[in-house]
């Protein structure tokens, strides 16, 4: 595990489940789905094509703080669009850079207009921590003469 690893490796460690909804769905339905699935973001698909992303943050800022009704507001009214996405060959480091620059917490991974998955900032941090733990273990083994070679 390394910062130079491709995001496709991170996706392999995650559940293959992708949660999505239609842009015409209510924000209430989106929040209910996020709660049921224990996720902080949903893909918004229209006729199978990714058209947006809706997050808990969108709900808080664009519905609650503006005094709107979650049952009357449609997902298409508050979703993030255009979608910032990456390809499977994008490195973990580049994903972190994109997320920091755009202030996003979720990045869909797309290949030839097909959504392969979505990575969160938490997924990437977990990957980086595992990489550091692996390095620490190798150094400890080297110091104690358990290192192969």
N, C-alpha and C. Protein backbone atom coordinates (compact mmCIF):
# COMPACT_ATOMS: atom_id res chain seq x y z
N UNK A 1 0.84 -1.19 0.00
CA UNK A 1 0.00 0.00 0.00
C UNK A 1 0.88 1.24 0.00
N UNK A 2 0.48 2.18 -0.85
CA UNK A 2 1.33 3.35 -1.07
C UNK A 2 0.48 4.48 -1.63
N UNK A 3 0.96 5.71 -1.48
CA UNK A 3 0.28 6.87 -2.05
C UNK A 3 0.25 6.83 -3.57
N UNK A 4 1.18 6.11 -4.15
CA UNK A 4 1.26 6.00 -5.61
C UNK A 4 0.37 4.88 -6.15
N UNK A 5 -0.28 4.14 -5.27
CA UNK A 5 -1.19 3.09 -5.71
C UNK A 5 -2.36 3.71 -6.46
N UNK A 6 -2.90 2.95 -7.39
CA UNK A 6 -4.05 3.41 -8.15
C UNK A 6 -5.33 3.23 -7.33
N UNK A 7 -6.28 4.11 -7.56
CA UNK A 7 -7.53 4.08 -6.81
C UNK A 7 -8.30 2.79 -7.08
N UNK A 8 -8.02 2.11 -8.18
CA UNK A 8 -8.66 0.81 -8.43
C UNK A 8 -8.34 -0.17 -7.31
N UNK A 9 -7.16 -0.06 -6.71
CA UNK A 9 -6.78 -0.93 -5.59
C UNK A 9 -7.64 -0.64 -4.36
N UNK A 10 -7.94 0.62 -4.14
CA UNK A 10 -8.79 1.00 -3.01
C UNK A 10 -10.19 0.42 -3.21
N UNK A 11 -10.69 0.50 -4.43
CA UNK A 11 -12.03 -0.03 -4.73
C UNK A 11 -12.12 -1.53 -4.46
N UNK A 12 -11.03 -2.25 -4.71
CA UNK A 12 -11.02 -3.70 -4.49
C UNK A 12 -11.21 -4.05 -3.01
N UNK A 13 -10.84 -3.13 -2.12
CA UNK A 13 -10.95 -3.35 -0.68
C UNK A 13 -12.34 -3.00 -0.16
N UNK A 14 -13.15 -2.38 -0.99
CA UNK A 14 -14.47 -1.93 -0.57
C UNK A 14 -15.56 -2.88 -1.05
N UNK A 15 -16.72 -2.74 -0.47
CA UNK A 15 -17.89 -3.48 -0.95
C UNK A 15 -18.19 -3.01 -2.38
N UNK A 16 -18.59 -3.92 -3.24
CA UNK A 16 -18.89 -3.53 -4.62
C UNK A 16 -20.25 -2.82 -4.76
N UNK A 17 -21.01 -2.72 -3.67
CA UNK A 17 -22.32 -2.10 -3.72
C UNK A 17 -22.23 -0.62 -4.09
N UNK A 18 -23.08 -0.20 -5.00
CA UNK A 18 -23.20 1.20 -5.39
C UNK A 18 -24.63 1.63 -5.13
N UNK A 19 -24.80 2.71 -4.42
CA UNK A 19 -26.13 3.19 -4.09
C UNK A 19 -26.41 4.44 -4.90
N UNK A 20 -27.56 4.46 -5.54
CA UNK A 20 -27.90 5.60 -6.39
C UNK A 20 -29.40 5.86 -6.34
N UNK A 21 -29.79 6.99 -6.91
CA UNK A 21 -31.18 7.32 -7.06
C UNK A 21 -31.37 8.25 -8.24
N UNK A 22 -32.60 8.49 -8.59
CA UNK A 22 -32.98 9.30 -9.73
C UNK A 22 -32.98 10.78 -9.34
N UNK A 23 -32.66 11.67 -10.27
CA UNK A 23 -32.67 13.10 -9.95
C UNK A 23 -34.05 13.63 -9.55
N UNK A 24 -35.11 12.90 -9.92
CA UNK A 24 -36.47 13.32 -9.59
C UNK A 24 -36.89 12.86 -8.20
N UNK A 25 -36.06 12.09 -7.53
CA UNK A 25 -36.37 11.63 -6.17
C UNK A 25 -36.35 12.82 -5.22
N UNK A 26 -37.06 12.68 -4.12
CA UNK A 26 -37.04 13.75 -3.11
C UNK A 26 -35.75 13.66 -2.30
N UNK A 27 -35.36 14.77 -1.74
CA UNK A 27 -34.19 14.80 -0.87
C UNK A 27 -34.44 13.91 0.35
N UNK A 28 -35.69 13.86 0.80
CA UNK A 28 -36.03 12.98 1.91
C UNK A 28 -35.68 11.53 1.58
N UNK A 29 -36.04 11.09 0.36
CA UNK A 29 -35.71 9.73 -0.07
C UNK A 29 -34.19 9.52 -0.08
N UNK A 30 -33.46 10.53 -0.49
CA UNK A 30 -32.00 10.43 -0.53
C UNK A 30 -31.43 10.27 0.88
N UNK A 31 -31.90 11.08 1.80
CA UNK A 31 -31.40 11.01 3.18
C UNK A 31 -31.79 9.69 3.82
N UNK A 32 -32.99 9.23 3.53
CA UNK A 32 -33.45 7.95 4.05
C UNK A 32 -32.57 6.81 3.53
N UNK A 33 -32.23 6.84 2.24
CA UNK A 33 -31.37 5.81 1.65
C UNK A 33 -29.97 5.88 2.25
N UNK A 34 -29.43 7.09 2.40
CA UNK A 34 -28.09 7.23 3.01
C UNK A 34 -28.09 6.63 4.41
N UNK A 35 -29.13 6.90 5.16
CA UNK A 35 -29.23 6.37 6.52
C UNK A 35 -29.32 4.84 6.50
N UNK A 36 -30.18 4.31 5.66
CA UNK A 36 -30.35 2.85 5.57
C UNK A 36 -29.07 2.13 5.15
N UNK A 37 -28.32 2.74 4.24
CA UNK A 37 -27.13 2.11 3.68
C UNK A 37 -25.85 2.50 4.43
N UNK A 38 -25.97 3.40 5.39
CA UNK A 38 -24.81 3.87 6.18
C UNK A 38 -23.74 4.50 5.29
N UNK A 39 -24.17 5.39 4.39
CA UNK A 39 -23.25 6.10 3.51
C UNK A 39 -23.52 7.59 3.60
N UNK A 40 -22.54 8.39 3.20
CA UNK A 40 -22.68 9.84 3.26
C UNK A 40 -22.94 10.48 1.92
N UNK A 41 -23.02 9.67 0.86
CA UNK A 41 -23.26 10.22 -0.46
C UNK A 41 -23.93 9.17 -1.34
N UNK A 42 -24.68 9.64 -2.31
CA UNK A 42 -25.33 8.77 -3.28
C UNK A 42 -25.05 9.29 -4.69
N UNK A 43 -24.91 8.37 -5.61
CA UNK A 43 -24.78 8.73 -7.01
C UNK A 43 -26.17 9.06 -7.53
N UNK A 44 -26.24 10.04 -8.41
CA UNK A 44 -27.51 10.40 -9.03
C UNK A 44 -27.42 9.98 -10.50
N UNK A 45 -28.28 9.03 -10.88
CA UNK A 45 -28.25 8.47 -12.22
C UNK A 45 -29.54 8.78 -12.96
N UNK A 46 -29.39 9.21 -14.20
CA UNK A 46 -30.54 9.43 -15.09
C UNK A 46 -30.33 8.54 -16.30
N UNK A 47 -31.23 7.60 -16.51
CA UNK A 47 -31.13 6.64 -17.61
C UNK A 47 -29.78 5.94 -17.61
N UNK A 48 -29.31 5.59 -16.41
CA UNK A 48 -28.07 4.86 -16.26
C UNK A 48 -26.80 5.70 -16.34
N UNK A 49 -26.95 6.99 -16.57
CA UNK A 49 -25.78 7.87 -16.69
C UNK A 49 -25.63 8.74 -15.44
N UNK A 50 -24.38 8.86 -14.98
CA UNK A 50 -24.10 9.67 -13.80
C UNK A 50 -24.29 11.15 -14.12
N UNK A 51 -25.22 11.79 -13.40
CA UNK A 51 -25.50 13.20 -13.64
C UNK A 51 -25.22 14.07 -12.41
N UNK A 52 -24.97 13.43 -11.27
CA UNK A 52 -24.71 14.20 -10.07
C UNK A 52 -24.37 13.31 -8.89
N UNK A 53 -24.07 13.97 -7.79
CA UNK A 53 -23.82 13.31 -6.50
C UNK A 53 -24.55 14.13 -5.46
N UNK A 54 -25.20 13.46 -4.53
CA UNK A 54 -25.85 14.16 -3.42
C UNK A 54 -25.24 13.65 -2.12
N UNK A 55 -24.93 14.58 -1.23
CA UNK A 55 -24.27 14.24 0.03
C UNK A 55 -25.05 14.79 1.23
N UNK A 56 -24.69 14.29 2.39
CA UNK A 56 -25.27 14.82 3.63
C UNK A 56 -24.97 16.30 3.76
N UNK A 57 -23.81 16.70 3.31
CA UNK A 57 -23.43 18.11 3.36
C UNK A 57 -24.36 18.96 2.49
N UNK A 58 -24.71 18.46 1.31
CA UNK A 58 -25.66 19.17 0.44
C UNK A 58 -26.98 19.37 1.17
N UNK A 59 -27.42 18.32 1.84
CA UNK A 59 -28.69 18.38 2.59
C UNK A 59 -28.62 19.45 3.67
N UNK A 60 -27.55 19.43 4.44
CA UNK A 60 -27.42 20.38 5.54
C UNK A 60 -27.37 21.83 5.03
N UNK A 61 -26.60 22.06 3.99
CA UNK A 61 -26.39 23.43 3.51
C UNK A 61 -27.48 23.94 2.58
N UNK A 62 -28.06 23.06 1.78
CA UNK A 62 -28.99 23.51 0.74
C UNK A 62 -30.46 23.25 1.07
N UNK A 63 -30.70 22.52 2.14
CA UNK A 63 -32.09 22.27 2.54
C UNK A 63 -32.31 22.82 3.94
N UNK A 64 -31.65 22.24 4.93
CA UNK A 64 -31.88 22.64 6.32
C UNK A 64 -31.60 24.12 6.54
N UNK A 65 -30.40 24.57 6.17
CA UNK A 65 -30.04 25.97 6.43
C UNK A 65 -30.86 26.98 5.62
N UNK A 66 -31.45 26.52 4.54
CA UNK A 66 -32.27 27.42 3.72
C UNK A 66 -33.76 27.27 4.02
N UNK A 67 -34.09 26.47 5.04
CA UNK A 67 -35.47 26.33 5.46
C UNK A 67 -36.37 25.63 4.45
N UNK A 68 -35.77 24.79 3.60
CA UNK A 68 -36.55 24.07 2.60
C UNK A 68 -37.09 22.76 3.17
N UNK A 69 -38.05 22.20 2.51
CA UNK A 69 -38.64 20.92 2.92
C UNK A 69 -37.92 19.78 2.19
N UNK A 70 -37.44 18.80 2.94
CA UNK A 70 -36.74 17.68 2.32
C UNK A 70 -37.70 16.79 1.52
N UNK A 71 -38.99 16.83 1.85
CA UNK A 71 -39.96 16.02 1.11
C UNK A 71 -40.42 16.70 -0.18
N UNK A 72 -40.28 18.01 -0.24
CA UNK A 72 -40.71 18.76 -1.43
C UNK A 72 -39.55 19.13 -2.35
N UNK A 73 -38.34 19.09 -1.84
CA UNK A 73 -37.16 19.45 -2.64
C UNK A 73 -36.68 18.21 -3.38
N UNK A 74 -36.39 18.38 -4.66
CA UNK A 74 -35.91 17.26 -5.47
C UNK A 74 -34.39 17.19 -5.44
N UNK A 75 -33.88 15.99 -5.58
CA UNK A 75 -32.44 15.77 -5.59
C UNK A 75 -31.76 16.64 -6.65
N UNK A 76 -32.36 16.75 -7.84
CA UNK A 76 -31.75 17.52 -8.93
C UNK A 76 -31.57 18.99 -8.58
N UNK A 77 -32.32 19.48 -7.59
CA UNK A 77 -32.22 20.88 -7.20
C UNK A 77 -30.99 21.17 -6.34
N UNK A 78 -30.45 20.15 -5.68
CA UNK A 78 -29.34 20.41 -4.76
C UNK A 78 -28.10 19.56 -5.02
N UNK A 79 -28.17 18.61 -5.96
CA UNK A 79 -27.04 17.71 -6.19
C UNK A 79 -25.83 18.47 -6.73
N UNK A 80 -24.66 17.88 -6.50
CA UNK A 80 -23.42 18.43 -7.04
C UNK A 80 -23.33 18.05 -8.51
N UNK A 81 -23.23 19.05 -9.35
CA UNK A 81 -23.08 18.83 -10.77
C UNK A 81 -22.37 20.04 -11.37
N UNK A 82 -21.49 19.90 -12.31
CA UNK A 82 -21.03 18.65 -12.88
C UNK A 82 -20.24 17.83 -11.86
N UNK A 83 -20.17 16.55 -12.11
CA UNK A 83 -19.53 15.62 -11.19
C UNK A 83 -18.02 15.66 -11.38
N UNK A 84 -17.31 15.81 -10.28
CA UNK A 84 -15.85 15.67 -10.28
C UNK A 84 -15.59 14.19 -10.07
N UNK A 85 -14.88 13.57 -11.00
CA UNK A 85 -14.63 12.12 -10.90
C UNK A 85 -13.19 11.82 -11.28
N UNK A 86 -12.80 10.58 -11.08
CA UNK A 86 -11.46 10.12 -11.44
C UNK A 86 -11.58 8.82 -12.21
N UNK A 87 -10.48 8.42 -12.83
CA UNK A 87 -10.41 7.13 -13.53
C UNK A 87 -9.68 6.14 -12.62
N UNK A 88 -9.82 4.85 -12.88
CA UNK A 88 -9.21 3.84 -12.00
C UNK A 88 -7.69 3.97 -11.86
N UNK A 89 -7.03 4.56 -12.84
CA UNK A 89 -5.57 4.69 -12.79
C UNK A 89 -5.10 5.88 -11.95
N UNK A 90 -6.00 6.72 -11.50
CA UNK A 90 -5.65 7.87 -10.67
C UNK A 90 -5.03 7.36 -9.37
N UNK A 91 -3.95 8.00 -8.93
CA UNK A 91 -3.29 7.56 -7.69
C UNK A 91 -4.06 8.05 -6.47
N UNK A 92 -3.83 7.37 -5.37
CA UNK A 92 -4.41 7.78 -4.09
C UNK A 92 -3.99 9.21 -3.78
N UNK A 93 -2.73 9.51 -4.02
CA UNK A 93 -2.21 10.85 -3.78
C UNK A 93 -2.96 11.90 -4.60
N UNK A 94 -3.20 11.63 -5.87
CA UNK A 94 -3.91 12.58 -6.73
C UNK A 94 -5.36 12.72 -6.28
N UNK A 95 -5.99 11.64 -5.86
CA UNK A 95 -7.35 11.72 -5.34
C UNK A 95 -7.40 12.64 -4.12
N UNK A 96 -6.44 12.50 -3.23
CA UNK A 96 -6.38 13.36 -2.04
C UNK A 96 -6.20 14.82 -2.46
N UNK A 97 -5.36 15.06 -3.46
CA UNK A 97 -5.12 16.41 -3.96
C UNK A 97 -6.42 17.01 -4.53
N UNK A 98 -7.14 16.22 -5.32
CA UNK A 98 -8.40 16.67 -5.92
C UNK A 98 -9.42 16.98 -4.83
N UNK A 99 -9.53 16.08 -3.86
CA UNK A 99 -10.50 16.29 -2.78
C UNK A 99 -10.18 17.54 -1.97
N UNK A 100 -8.92 17.77 -1.71
CA UNK A 100 -8.52 18.95 -0.96
C UNK A 100 -8.81 20.21 -1.76
N UNK A 101 -8.46 20.20 -3.03
CA UNK A 101 -8.65 21.38 -3.88
C UNK A 101 -10.13 21.71 -4.08
N UNK A 102 -10.96 20.69 -4.30
CA UNK A 102 -12.37 20.91 -4.60
C UNK A 102 -13.26 20.89 -3.35
N UNK A 103 -12.67 20.55 -2.20
CA UNK A 103 -13.38 20.46 -0.93
C UNK A 103 -14.52 19.44 -0.98
N UNK A 104 -14.25 18.34 -1.69
CA UNK A 104 -15.21 17.24 -1.80
C UNK A 104 -14.77 16.10 -0.91
N UNK A 105 -15.71 15.29 -0.49
CA UNK A 105 -15.41 14.14 0.36
C UNK A 105 -15.66 12.81 -0.34
N UNK A 106 -16.20 12.87 -1.56
CA UNK A 106 -16.53 11.66 -2.31
C UNK A 106 -16.16 11.85 -3.78
N UNK A 107 -15.50 10.84 -4.35
CA UNK A 107 -15.11 10.87 -5.75
C UNK A 107 -15.59 9.60 -6.46
N UNK A 108 -16.47 9.75 -7.42
CA UNK A 108 -16.83 8.59 -8.24
C UNK A 108 -15.63 8.18 -9.10
N UNK A 109 -15.49 6.88 -9.31
CA UNK A 109 -14.45 6.34 -10.18
C UNK A 109 -15.15 5.84 -11.44
N UNK A 110 -14.76 6.43 -12.57
CA UNK A 110 -15.46 6.19 -13.84
C UNK A 110 -14.48 5.61 -14.86
N UNK A 111 -14.99 4.64 -15.63
CA UNK A 111 -14.22 4.09 -16.74
C UNK A 111 -15.16 3.94 -17.93
N UNK A 112 -14.88 4.63 -18.99
CA UNK A 112 -15.70 4.60 -20.21
C UNK A 112 -17.18 4.82 -19.88
N UNK A 113 -17.47 5.92 -19.20
CA UNK A 113 -18.83 6.31 -18.82
C UNK A 113 -19.54 5.34 -17.88
N UNK A 114 -18.82 4.38 -17.32
CA UNK A 114 -19.41 3.44 -16.37
C UNK A 114 -18.84 3.73 -14.98
N UNK A 115 -19.72 3.83 -14.00
CA UNK A 115 -19.29 4.06 -12.62
C UNK A 115 -18.81 2.74 -12.04
N UNK A 116 -17.53 2.70 -11.65
CA UNK A 116 -16.97 1.49 -11.04
C UNK A 116 -17.13 1.49 -9.53
N UNK A 117 -17.21 2.68 -8.96
CA UNK A 117 -17.32 2.80 -7.51
C UNK A 117 -17.21 4.25 -7.10
N UNK A 118 -17.17 4.45 -5.80
CA UNK A 118 -17.00 5.78 -5.25
C UNK A 118 -16.06 5.66 -4.06
N UNK A 119 -15.09 6.55 -3.97
CA UNK A 119 -14.18 6.55 -2.82
C UNK A 119 -14.43 7.80 -1.99
N UNK A 120 -14.36 7.61 -0.71
CA UNK A 120 -14.54 8.72 0.22
C UNK A 120 -13.18 9.11 0.79
N UNK A 121 -13.16 10.26 1.40
CA UNK A 121 -11.92 10.71 2.06
C UNK A 121 -11.54 9.69 3.13
N UNK A 122 -12.53 9.08 3.79
CA UNK A 122 -12.26 8.06 4.80
C UNK A 122 -11.59 6.83 4.22
N UNK A 123 -12.02 6.42 3.02
CA UNK A 123 -11.39 5.28 2.34
C UNK A 123 -9.91 5.56 2.08
N UNK A 124 -9.63 6.77 1.64
CA UNK A 124 -8.25 7.12 1.30
C UNK A 124 -7.38 7.25 2.54
N UNK A 125 -7.93 7.83 3.59
CA UNK A 125 -7.18 7.95 4.85
C UNK A 125 -6.88 6.55 5.40
N UNK A 126 -7.86 5.66 5.34
CA UNK A 126 -7.66 4.28 5.80
C UNK A 126 -6.53 3.62 5.00
N UNK A 127 -6.51 3.84 3.68
CA UNK A 127 -5.47 3.29 2.81
C UNK A 127 -4.09 3.81 3.22
N UNK A 128 -4.00 5.10 3.45
CA UNK A 128 -2.73 5.73 3.82
C UNK A 128 -2.25 5.22 5.18
N UNK A 129 -3.16 5.09 6.14
CA UNK A 129 -2.79 4.58 7.46
C UNK A 129 -2.26 3.16 7.34
N UNK A 130 -2.91 2.33 6.53
CA UNK A 130 -2.45 0.96 6.32
C UNK A 130 -1.07 0.94 5.69
N UNK A 131 -0.83 1.86 4.76
CA UNK A 131 0.49 1.95 4.12
C UNK A 131 1.55 2.31 5.16
N UNK A 132 1.23 3.24 6.05
CA UNK A 132 2.19 3.64 7.09
C UNK A 132 2.45 2.49 8.06
N UNK A 133 1.39 1.77 8.42
CA UNK A 133 1.56 0.64 9.34
C UNK A 133 2.44 -0.44 8.72
N UNK A 134 2.26 -0.66 7.42
CA UNK A 134 3.07 -1.64 6.71
C UNK A 134 4.55 -1.23 6.71
N UNK A 135 4.81 0.04 6.48
CA UNK A 135 6.18 0.56 6.48
C UNK A 135 6.80 0.42 7.87
N UNK A 136 6.03 0.76 8.89
CA UNK A 136 6.52 0.66 10.27
C UNK A 136 6.88 -0.79 10.60
N UNK A 137 6.02 -1.73 10.20
CA UNK A 137 6.28 -3.15 10.45
C UNK A 137 7.56 -3.60 9.76
N UNK A 138 7.75 -3.18 8.51
CA UNK A 138 8.96 -3.54 7.78
C UNK A 138 10.21 -2.97 8.46
N UNK A 139 10.12 -1.73 8.93
CA UNK A 139 11.26 -1.12 9.62
C UNK A 139 11.56 -1.84 10.94
N UNK A 140 10.50 -2.20 11.66
CA UNK A 140 10.70 -2.93 12.92
C UNK A 140 11.35 -4.29 12.66
N UNK A 141 10.90 -4.96 11.61
CA UNK A 141 11.49 -6.25 11.26
C UNK A 141 12.95 -6.08 10.85
N UNK A 142 13.25 -5.03 10.14
CA UNK A 142 14.63 -4.77 9.72
C UNK A 142 15.53 -4.51 10.93
N UNK A 143 15.03 -3.69 11.84
CA UNK A 143 15.80 -3.34 13.03
C UNK A 143 16.06 -4.56 13.91
N UNK A 144 15.09 -5.45 13.99
CA UNK A 144 15.23 -6.63 14.83
C UNK A 144 15.77 -7.83 14.05
N UNK A 145 16.27 -7.59 12.87
CA UNK A 145 16.91 -8.60 12.02
C UNK A 145 15.95 -9.67 11.52
N UNK A 146 14.65 -9.36 11.44
CA UNK A 146 13.68 -10.30 10.90
C UNK A 146 13.39 -10.00 9.43
N UNK A 147 14.02 -8.96 8.91
CA UNK A 147 13.77 -8.55 7.55
C UNK A 147 14.37 -9.56 6.59
N UNK A 148 13.60 -10.02 5.59
CA UNK A 148 14.12 -11.01 4.64
C UNK A 148 15.26 -10.42 3.82
N UNK A 149 16.24 -11.23 3.57
CA UNK A 149 17.35 -10.80 2.71
C UNK A 149 18.52 -10.54 3.50
